[in-house]
Amino acid sequence: MKLTLDLHDIYNRGGDIDTALRGIIDEAVEKKIKLVEIIPGKGSGQLKKRVLRFLDQKDIKAKYHRVEKDSHNFGRIFVHFHPK
């Protein structure tokens, strides 16, 4: 099973972005989801950088296994969780 978070609607609201990201990560951990797809969109790349910085925080990084940038779609990031 996979969860998807599309950030297009909240791209310009900083606090909402962090809340949405934290929410989807916590939901994935709670429900033992193996994959989260985050869609920051293509744009200038600033939102994607913000998402990657968020995912690189020590407390968040401890919750997932690895991050994969989609090589076919610049505007998509996959977060893989440890299978448990």
PDB file of N, CA and C in Angstrom:
ATOM      1  N   MET A   1       0.839  -1.181   0.000  1.00  0.00           N
ATOM      2  CA  MET A   1       0.000   0.000   0.000  1.00  0.00           C
ATOM      3  C   MET A   1       0.884   1.246   0.000  1.00  0.00           C
ATOM      4  N   LYS A   2       0.378   2.318  -0.597  1.00  0.00           N
ATOM      5  CA  LYS A   2       1.147   3.550  -0.736  1.00  0.00           C
ATOM      6  C   LYS A   2       0.267   4.729  -0.335  1.00  0.00           C
ATOM      7  N   LEU A   3       0.878   5.721   0.297  1.00  0.00           N
ATOM      8  CA  LEU A   3       0.213   6.987   0.590  1.00  0.00           C
ATOM      9  C   LEU A   3       0.780   8.041  -0.350  1.00  0.00           C
ATOM     10  N   THR A   4      -0.063   9.000  -0.735  1.00  0.00           N
ATOM     11  CA  THR A   4       0.380  10.074  -1.629  1.00  0.00           C
ATOM     12  C   THR A   4       0.036  11.420  -1.012  1.00  0.00           C
ATOM     13  N   LEU A   5       0.996  12.347  -1.087  1.00  0.00           N
ATOM     14  CA  LEU A   5       0.794  13.722  -0.633  1.00  0.00           C
ATOM     15  C   LEU A   5       1.121  14.653  -1.786  1.00  0.00           C
ATOM     16  N   ASP A   6       0.117  15.355  -2.277  1.00  0.00           N
ATOM     17  CA  ASP A   6       0.290  16.320  -3.367  1.00  0.00           C
ATOM     18  C   ASP A   6       0.342  17.718  -2.753  1.00  0.00           C
ATOM     19  N   LEU A   7       1.458  18.400  -2.898  1.00  0.00           N
ATOM     20  CA  LEU A   7       1.661  19.712  -2.274  1.00  0.00           C
ATOM     21  C   LEU A   7       1.253  20.884  -3.166  1.00  0.00           C
ATOM     22  N   HIS A   8       0.668  20.628  -4.324  1.00  0.00           N
ATOM     23  CA  HIS A   8       0.299  21.707  -5.237  1.00  0.00           C
ATOM     24  C   HIS A   8      -0.620  22.755  -4.592  1.00  0.00           C
ATOM     25  N   ASP A   9      -1.565  22.313  -3.774  1.00  0.00           N
ATOM     26  CA  ASP A   9      -2.541  23.241  -3.191  1.00  0.00           C
ATOM     27  C   ASP A   9      -1.973  24.110  -2.078  1.00  0.00           C
ATOM     28  N   ILE A  10      -0.881  23.684  -1.457  1.00  0.00           N
ATOM     29  CA  ILE A  10      -0.348  24.430  -0.306  1.00  0.00           C
ATOM     30  C   ILE A  10       1.098  24.883  -0.518  1.00  0.00           C
ATOM     31  N   TYR A  11       1.543  24.930  -1.766  1.00  0.00           N
ATOM     32  CA  TYR A  11       2.955  25.215  -2.064  1.00  0.00           C
ATOM     33  C   TYR A  11       3.453  26.528  -1.478  1.00  0.00           C
ATOM     34  N   ASN A  12       2.570  27.482  -1.228  1.00  0.00           N
ATOM     35  CA  ASN A  12       3.020  28.796  -0.751  1.00  0.00           C
ATOM     36  C   ASN A  12       2.675  29.040   0.722  1.00  0.00           C
ATOM     37  N   ARG A  13       2.348  28.001   1.467  1.00  0.00           N
ATOM     38  CA  ARG A  13       2.018  28.140   2.885  1.00  0.00           C
ATOM     39  C   ARG A  13       2.966  27.270   3.702  1.00  0.00           C
ATOM     40  N   GLY A  14       4.080  27.849   4.108  1.00  0.00           N
ATOM     41  CA  GLY A  14       5.161  27.130   4.774  1.00  0.00           C
ATOM     42  C   GLY A  14       4.761  26.249   5.929  1.00  0.00           C
ATOM     43  N   GLY A  15       3.998  26.776   6.879  1.00  0.00           N
ATOM     44  CA  GLY A  15       3.591  25.993   8.046  1.00  0.00           C
ATOM     45  C   GLY A  15       2.726  24.808   7.665  1.00  0.00           C
ATOM     46  N   ASP A  16       1.854  25.005   6.685  1.00  0.00           N
ATOM     47  CA  ASP A  16       0.975  23.920   6.234  1.00  0.00           C
ATOM     48  C   ASP A  16       1.781  22.807   5.568  1.00  0.00           C
ATOM     49  N   ILE A  17       2.844  23.179   4.873  1.00  0.00           N
ATOM     50  CA  ILE A  17       3.692  22.178   4.208  1.00  0.00           C
ATOM     51  C   ILE A  17       4.333  21.268   5.248  1.00  0.00           C
ATOM     52  N   ASP A  18       4.929  21.859   6.278  1.00  0.00           N
ATOM     53  CA  ASP A  18       5.568  21.059   7.325  1.00  0.00           C
ATOM     54  C   ASP A  18       4.555  20.183   8.052  1.00  0.00           C
ATOM     55  N   THR A  19       3.382  20.733   8.325  1.00  0.00           N
ATOM     56  CA  THR A  19       2.328  19.967   9.001  1.00  0.00           C
ATOM     57  C   THR A  19       1.887  18.784   8.151  1.00  0.00           C
ATOM     58  N   ALA A  20       1.704  19.019   6.855  1.00  0.00           N
ATOM     59  CA  ALA A  20       1.276  17.952   5.944  1.00  0.00           C
ATOM     60  C   ALA A  20       2.352  16.865   5.834  1.00  0.00           C
ATOM     61  N   LEU A  21       3.607  17.279   5.728  1.00  0.00           N
ATOM     62  CA  LEU A  21       4.703  16.309   5.627  1.00  0.00           C
ATOM     63  C   LEU A  21       4.815  15.466   6.896  1.00  0.00           C
ATOM     64  N   ARG A  22       4.774  16.125   8.037  1.00  0.00           N
ATOM     65  CA  ARG A  22       4.867  15.400   9.311  1.00  0.00           C
ATOM     66  C   ARG A  22       3.680  14.446   9.446  1.00  0.00           C
ATOM     67  N   GLY A  23       2.506  14.895   9.038  1.00  0.00           N
ATOM     68  CA  GLY A  23       1.306  14.071   9.133  1.00  0.00           C
ATOM     69  C   GLY A  23       1.391  12.809   8.289  1.00  0.00           C
ATOM     70  N   ILE A  24       1.866  12.943   7.061  1.00  0.00           N
ATOM     71  CA  ILE A  24       1.938  11.779   6.162  1.00  0.00           C
ATOM     72  C   ILE A  24       3.015  10.797   6.632  1.00  0.00           C
ATOM     73  N   ILE A  25       4.124  11.310   7.154  1.00  0.00           N
ATOM     74  CA  ILE A  25       5.184  10.436   7.674  1.00  0.00           C
ATOM     75  C   ILE A  25       4.676   9.679   8.897  1.00  0.00           C
ATOM     76  N   ASP A  26       4.022  10.394   9.816  1.00  0.00           N
ATOM     77  CA  ASP A  26       3.490   9.746  11.019  1.00  0.00           C
ATOM     78  C   ASP A  26       2.417   8.717  10.666  1.00  0.00           C
ATOM     79  N   GLU A  27       1.566   9.034   9.685  1.00  0.00           N
ATOM     80  CA  GLU A  27       0.524   8.095   9.265  1.00  0.00           C
ATOM     81  C   GLU A  27       1.145   6.825   8.674  1.00  0.00           C
ATOM     82  N   ALA A  28       2.188   6.997   7.874  1.00  0.00           N
ATOM     83  CA  ALA A  28       2.861   5.844   7.273  1.00  0.00           C
ATOM     84  C   ALA A  28       3.460   4.938   8.347  1.00  0.00           C
ATOM     85  N   VAL A  29       4.078   5.540   9.345  1.00  0.00           N
ATOM     86  CA  VAL A  29       4.672   4.753  10.430  1.00  0.00           C
ATOM     87  C   VAL A  29       3.570   4.033  11.218  1.00  0.00           C
ATOM     88  N   GLU A  30       2.517   4.763  11.545  1.00  0.00           N
ATOM     89  CA  GLU A  30       1.426   4.201  12.343  1.00  0.00           C
ATOM     90  C   GLU A  30       0.731   3.041  11.621  1.00  0.00           C
ATOM     91  N   LYS A  31       0.510   3.192  10.317  1.00  0.00           N
ATOM     92  CA  LYS A  31      -0.212   2.173   9.550  1.00  0.00           C
ATOM     93  C   LYS A  31       0.714   1.151   8.889  1.00  0.00           C
ATOM     94  N   LYS A  32       2.022   1.278   9.155  1.00  0.00           N
ATOM     95  CA  LYS A  32       3.034   0.373   8.594  1.00  0.00           C
ATOM     96  C   LYS A  32       3.002   0.353   7.060  1.00  0.00           C
ATOM     97  N   ILE A  33       2.869   1.552   6.494  1.00  0.00           N
ATOM     98  CA  ILE A  33       2.893   1.728   5.040  1.00  0.00           C
ATOM     99  C   ILE A  33       4.352   1.661   4.590  1.00  0.00           C
ATOM    100  N   LYS A  34       4.622   1.026   3.477  1.00  0.00           N
ATOM    101  CA  LYS A  34       6.000   0.868   3.014  1.00  0.00           C
ATOM    102  C   LYS A  34       6.475   1.991   2.100  1.00  0.00           C
ATOM    103  N   LEU A  35       5.527   2.738   1.492  1.00  0.00           N
ATOM    104  CA  LEU A  35       5.922   3.751   0.515  1.00  0.00           C
ATOM    105  C   LEU A  35       5.025   4.974   0.603  1.00  0.00           C
ATOM    106  N   VAL A  36       5.655   6.157   0.634  1.00  0.00           N
ATOM    107  CA  VAL A  36       4.936   7.425   0.560  1.00  0.00           C
ATOM    108  C   VAL A  36       5.441   8.163  -0.672  1.00  0.00           C
ATOM    109  N   GLU A  37       4.510   8.627  -1.489  1.00  0.00           N
ATOM    110  CA  GLU A  37       4.830   9.416  -2.673  1.00  0.00           C
ATOM    111  C   GLU A  37       4.506  10.871  -2.346  1.00  0.00           C
ATOM    112  N   ILE A  38       5.506  11.741  -2.456  1.00  0.00           N
ATOM    113  CA  ILE A  38       5.315  13.170  -2.215  1.00  0.00           C
ATOM    114  C   ILE A  38       5.474  13.883  -3.545  1.00  0.00           C
ATOM    115  N   ILE A  39       4.491  14.724  -3.884  1.00  0.00           N
ATOM    116  CA  ILE A  39       4.502  15.422  -5.164  1.00  0.00           C
ATOM    117  C   ILE A  39       4.642  16.924  -4.903  1.00  0.00           C
ATOM    118  N   PRO A  40       5.888  17.428  -4.954  1.00  0.00           N
ATOM    119  CA  PRO A  40       6.072  18.872  -4.804  1.00  0.00           C
ATOM    120  C   PRO A  40       5.845  19.599  -6.125  1.00  0.00           C
ATOM    121  N   GLY A  41       5.820  18.876  -7.222  1.00  0.00           N
ATOM    122  CA  GLY A  41       5.671  19.496  -8.536  1.00  0.00           C
ATOM    123  C   GLY A  41       7.020  19.896  -9.093  1.00  0.00           C
ATOM    124  N   LYS A  42       7.015  20.308 -10.331  1.00  0.00           N
ATOM    125  CA  LYS A  42       8.281  20.637 -10.999  1.00  0.00           C
ATOM    126  C   LYS A  42       8.706  22.066 -10.701  1.00  0.00           C
ATOM    127  N   GLY A  43       7.972  23.043 -11.097  1.00  0.00           N
ATOM    128  CA  GLY A  43       8.247  24.445 -10.775  1.00  0.00           C
ATOM    129  C   GLY A  43       9.715  24.813 -10.793  1.00  0.00           C
ATOM    130  N   SER A  44      10.103  25.659  -9.829  1.00  0.00           N
ATOM    131  CA  SER A  44      11.483  26.142  -9.749  1.00  0.00           C
ATOM    132  C   SER A  44      12.393  25.164  -9.010  1.00  0.00           C
ATOM    133  N   GLY A  45      11.800  24.200  -8.333  1.00  0.00           N
ATOM    134  CA  GLY A  45      12.593  23.243  -7.564  1.00  0.00           C
ATOM    135  C   GLY A  45      12.737  23.616  -6.102  1.00  0.00           C
ATOM    136  N   GLN A  46      12.262  24.801  -5.711  1.00  0.00           N
ATOM    137  CA  GLN A  46      12.404  25.248  -4.327  1.00  0.00           C
ATOM    138  C   GLN A  46      11.581  24.400  -3.361  1.00  0.00           C
ATOM    139  N   LEU A  47      10.362  24.024  -3.769  1.00  0.00           N
ATOM    140  CA  LEU A  47       9.522  23.212  -2.899  1.00  0.00           C
ATOM    141  C   LEU A  47      10.125  21.815  -2.717  1.00  0.00           C
ATOM    142  N   LYS A  48      10.672  21.272  -3.787  1.00  0.00           N
ATOM    143  CA  LYS A  48      11.312  19.960  -3.690  1.00  0.00           C
ATOM    144  C   LYS A  48      12.493  20.030  -2.723  1.00  0.00           C
ATOM    145  N   LYS A  49      13.288  21.099  -2.801  1.00  0.00           N
ATOM    146  CA  LYS A  49      14.415  21.269  -1.884  1.00  0.00           C
ATOM    147  C   LYS A  49      13.934  21.369  -0.445  1.00  0.00           C
ATOM    148  N   ARG A  50      12.819  22.073  -0.250  1.00  0.00           N
ATOM    149  CA  ARG A  50      12.260  22.211   1.102  1.00  0.00           C
ATOM    150  C   ARG A  50      11.830  20.842   1.638  1.00  0.00           C
ATOM    151  N   VAL A  51      11.175  20.038   0.795  1.00  0.00           N
ATOM    152  CA  VAL A  51      10.739  18.696   1.196  1.00  0.00           C
ATOM    153  C   VAL A  51      11.957  17.847   1.568  1.00  0.00           C
ATOM    154  N   LEU A  52      12.998  17.897   0.754  1.00  0.00           N
ATOM    155  CA  LEU A  52      14.204  17.105   1.032  1.00  0.00           C
ATOM    156  C   LEU A  52      14.879  17.556   2.325  1.00  0.00           C
ATOM    157  N   ARG A  53      14.886  18.874   2.595  1.00  0.00           N
ATOM    158  CA  ARG A  53      15.445  19.379   3.861  1.00  0.00           C
ATOM    159  C   ARG A  53      14.610  18.877   5.040  1.00  0.00           C
ATOM    160  N   PHE A  54      13.288  18.883   4.874  1.00  0.00           N
ATOM    161  CA  PHE A  54      12.407  18.377   5.930  1.00  0.00           C
ATOM    162  C   PHE A  54      12.722  16.906   6.214  1.00  0.00           C
ATOM    163  N   LEU A  55      12.826  16.124   5.152  1.00  0.00           N
ATOM    164  CA  LEU A  55      13.082  14.689   5.310  1.00  0.00           C
ATOM    165  C   LEU A  55      14.456  14.410   5.898  1.00  0.00           C
ATOM    166  N   ASP A  56      15.366  15.369   5.799  1.00  0.00           N
ATOM    167  CA  ASP A  56      16.731  15.183   6.297  1.00  0.00           C
ATOM    168  C   ASP A  56      16.868  15.522   7.783  1.00  0.00           C
ATOM    169  N   GLN A  57      15.813  16.012   8.405  1.00  0.00           N
ATOM    170  CA  GLN A  57      15.854  16.305   9.835  1.00  0.00           C
ATOM    171  C   GLN A  57      16.055  15.001  10.619  1.00  0.00           C
ATOM    172  N   LYS A  58      16.858  15.079  11.653  1.00  0.00           N
ATOM    173  CA  LYS A  58      17.242  13.878  12.398  1.00  0.00           C
ATOM    174  C   LYS A  58      16.036  13.076  12.902  1.00  0.00           C
ATOM    175  N   ASP A  59      15.045  13.751  13.497  1.00  0.00           N
ATOM    176  CA  ASP A  59      13.890  13.033  14.057  1.00  0.00           C
ATOM    177  C   ASP A  59      13.011  12.413  12.968  1.00  0.00           C
ATOM    178  N   ILE A  60      12.958  13.032  11.804  1.00  0.00           N
ATOM    179  CA  ILE A  60      12.170  12.500  10.687  1.00  0.00           C
ATOM    180  C   ILE A  60      12.938  11.365  10.013  1.00  0.00           C
ATOM    181  N   LYS A  61      14.220  11.577   9.810  1.00  0.00           N
ATOM    182  CA  LYS A  61      15.068  10.586   9.132  1.00  0.00           C
ATOM    183  C   LYS A  61      15.058   9.231   9.848  1.00  0.00           C
ATOM    184  N   ALA A  62      14.890   9.258  11.143  1.00  0.00           N
ATOM    185  CA  ALA A  62      14.874   8.024  11.930  1.00  0.00           C
ATOM    186  C   ALA A  62      13.633   7.179  11.650  1.00  0.00           C
ATOM    187  N   LYS A  63      12.624   7.771  11.034  1.00  0.00           N
ATOM    188  CA  LYS A  63      11.353   7.068  10.814  1.00  0.00           C
ATOM    189  C   LYS A  63      11.282   6.310   9.498  1.00  0.00           C
ATOM    190  N   TYR A  64      12.163   6.623   8.551  1.00  0.00           N
ATOM    191  CA  TYR A  64      12.087   5.965   7.248  1.00  0.00           C
ATOM    192  C   TYR A  64      13.416   5.326   6.879  1.00  0.00           C
ATOM    193  N   HIS A  65      13.371   4.508   5.828  1.00  0.00           N
ATOM    194  CA  HIS A  65      14.549   3.763   5.384  1.00  0.00           C
ATOM    195  C   HIS A  65      15.385   4.570   4.375  1.00  0.00           C
ATOM    196  N   ARG A  66      14.740   5.061   3.315  1.00  0.00           N
ATOM    197  CA  ARG A  66      15.483   5.834   2.309  1.00  0.00           C
ATOM    198  C   ARG A  66      14.539   6.710   1.491  1.00  0.00           C
ATOM    199  N   VAL A  67      15.139   7.701   0.821  1.00  0.00           N
ATOM    200  CA  VAL A  67      14.415   8.615  -0.065  1.00  0.00           C
ATOM    201  C   VAL A  67      14.901   8.366  -1.479  1.00  0.00           C
ATOM    202  N   GLU A  68      13.956   8.345  -2.408  1.00  0.00           N
ATOM    203  CA  GLU A  68      14.278   8.132  -3.824  1.00  0.00           C
ATOM    204  C   GLU A  68      13.654   9.259  -4.643  1.00  0.00           C
ATOM    205  N   LYS A  69      14.501   9.947  -5.411  1.00  0.00           N
ATOM    206  CA  LYS A  69      14.003  10.957  -6.342  1.00  0.00           C
ATOM    207  C   LYS A  69      13.653  10.242  -7.635  1.00  0.00           C
ATOM    208  N   ASP A  70      12.450  10.452  -8.116  1.00  0.00           N
ATOM    209  CA  ASP A  70      11.988   9.779  -9.333  1.00  0.00           C
ATOM    210  C   ASP A  70      12.825  10.249 -10.522  1.00  0.00           C
ATOM    211  N   SER A  71      13.510   9.335 -11.165  1.00  0.00           N
ATOM    212  CA  SER A  71      14.379   9.687 -12.286  1.00  0.00           C
ATOM    213  C   SER A  71      13.584  10.013 -13.558  1.00  0.00           C
ATOM    214  N   HIS A  72      12.322   9.630 -13.595  1.00  0.00           N
ATOM    215  CA  HIS A  72      11.487   9.893 -14.776  1.00  0.00           C
ATOM    216  C   HIS A  72      10.583  11.101 -14.595  1.00  0.00           C
ATOM    217  N   ASN A  73      10.402  11.544 -13.346  1.00  0.00           N
ATOM    218  CA  ASN A  73       9.521  12.673 -13.061  1.00  0.00           C
ATOM    219  C   ASN A  73      10.170  13.522 -11.971  1.00  0.00           C
ATOM    220  N   PHE A  74      10.750  14.642 -12.362  1.00  0.00           N
ATOM    221  CA  PHE A  74      11.479  15.519 -11.442  1.00  0.00           C
ATOM    222  C   PHE A  74      10.606  15.981 -10.276  1.00  0.00           C
ATOM    223  N   GLY A  75       9.301  16.056 -10.467  1.00  0.00           N
ATOM    224  CA  GLY A  75       8.394  16.585  -9.455  1.00  0.00           C
ATOM    225  C   GLY A  75       7.830  15.544  -8.513  1.00  0.00           C
ATOM    226  N   ARG A  76       8.552  14.453  -8.282  1.00  0.00           N
ATOM    227  CA  ARG A  76       8.028  13.392  -7.417  1.00  0.00           C
ATOM    228  C   ARG A  76       9.159  12.783  -6.589  1.00  0.00           C
ATOM    229  N   ILE A  77       8.855  12.527  -5.312  1.00  0.00           N
ATOM    230  CA  ILE A  77       9.809  11.938  -4.375  1.00  0.00           C
ATOM    231  C   ILE A  77       9.143  10.734  -3.715  1.00  0.00           C
ATOM    232  N   PHE A  78       9.884   9.644  -3.582  1.00  0.00           N
ATOM    233  CA  PHE A  78       9.379   8.471  -2.881  1.00  0.00           C
ATOM    234  C   PHE A  78      10.127   8.318  -1.566  1.00  0.00           C
ATOM    235  N   VAL A  79       9.383   8.033  -0.505  1.00  0.00           N
ATOM    236  CA  VAL A  79       9.981   7.776   0.801  1.00  0.00           C
ATOM    237  C   VAL A  79       9.668   6.325   1.146  1.00  0.00           C
ATOM    238  N   HIS A  80      10.706   5.532   1.301  1.00  0.00           N
ATOM    239  CA  HIS A  80      10.564   4.103   1.589  1.00  0.00           C
ATOM    240  C   HIS A  80      10.759   3.870   3.081  1.00  0.00           C
ATOM    241  N   PHE A  81       9.884   3.055   3.656  1.00  0.00           N
ATOM    242  CA  PHE A  81       9.933   2.749   5.075  1.00  0.00           C
ATOM    243  C   PHE A  81      10.412   1.333   5.302  1.00  0.00           C
ATOM    244  N   HIS A  82      10.963   1.092   6.472  1.00  0.00           N
ATOM    245  CA  HIS A  82      11.436  -0.248   6.827  1.00  0.00           C
ATOM    246  C   HIS A  82      10.256  -1.199   6.853  1.00  0.00           C
ATOM    247  N   PRO A  83      10.367  -2.335   6.203  1.00  0.00           N
ATOM    248  CA  PRO A  83       9.301  -3.337   6.332  1.00  0.00           C
ATOM    249  C   PRO A  83       9.381  -3.965   7.724  1.00  0.00           C
ATOM    250  N   LYS A  84       8.270  -4.003   8.422  1.00  0.00           N
ATOM    251  CA  LYS A  84       8.267  -4.565   9.793  1.00  0.00           C
ATOM    252  C   LYS A  84       7.165  -5.562   9.927  1.00  0.00           C
TER     253      LYS A  84
END
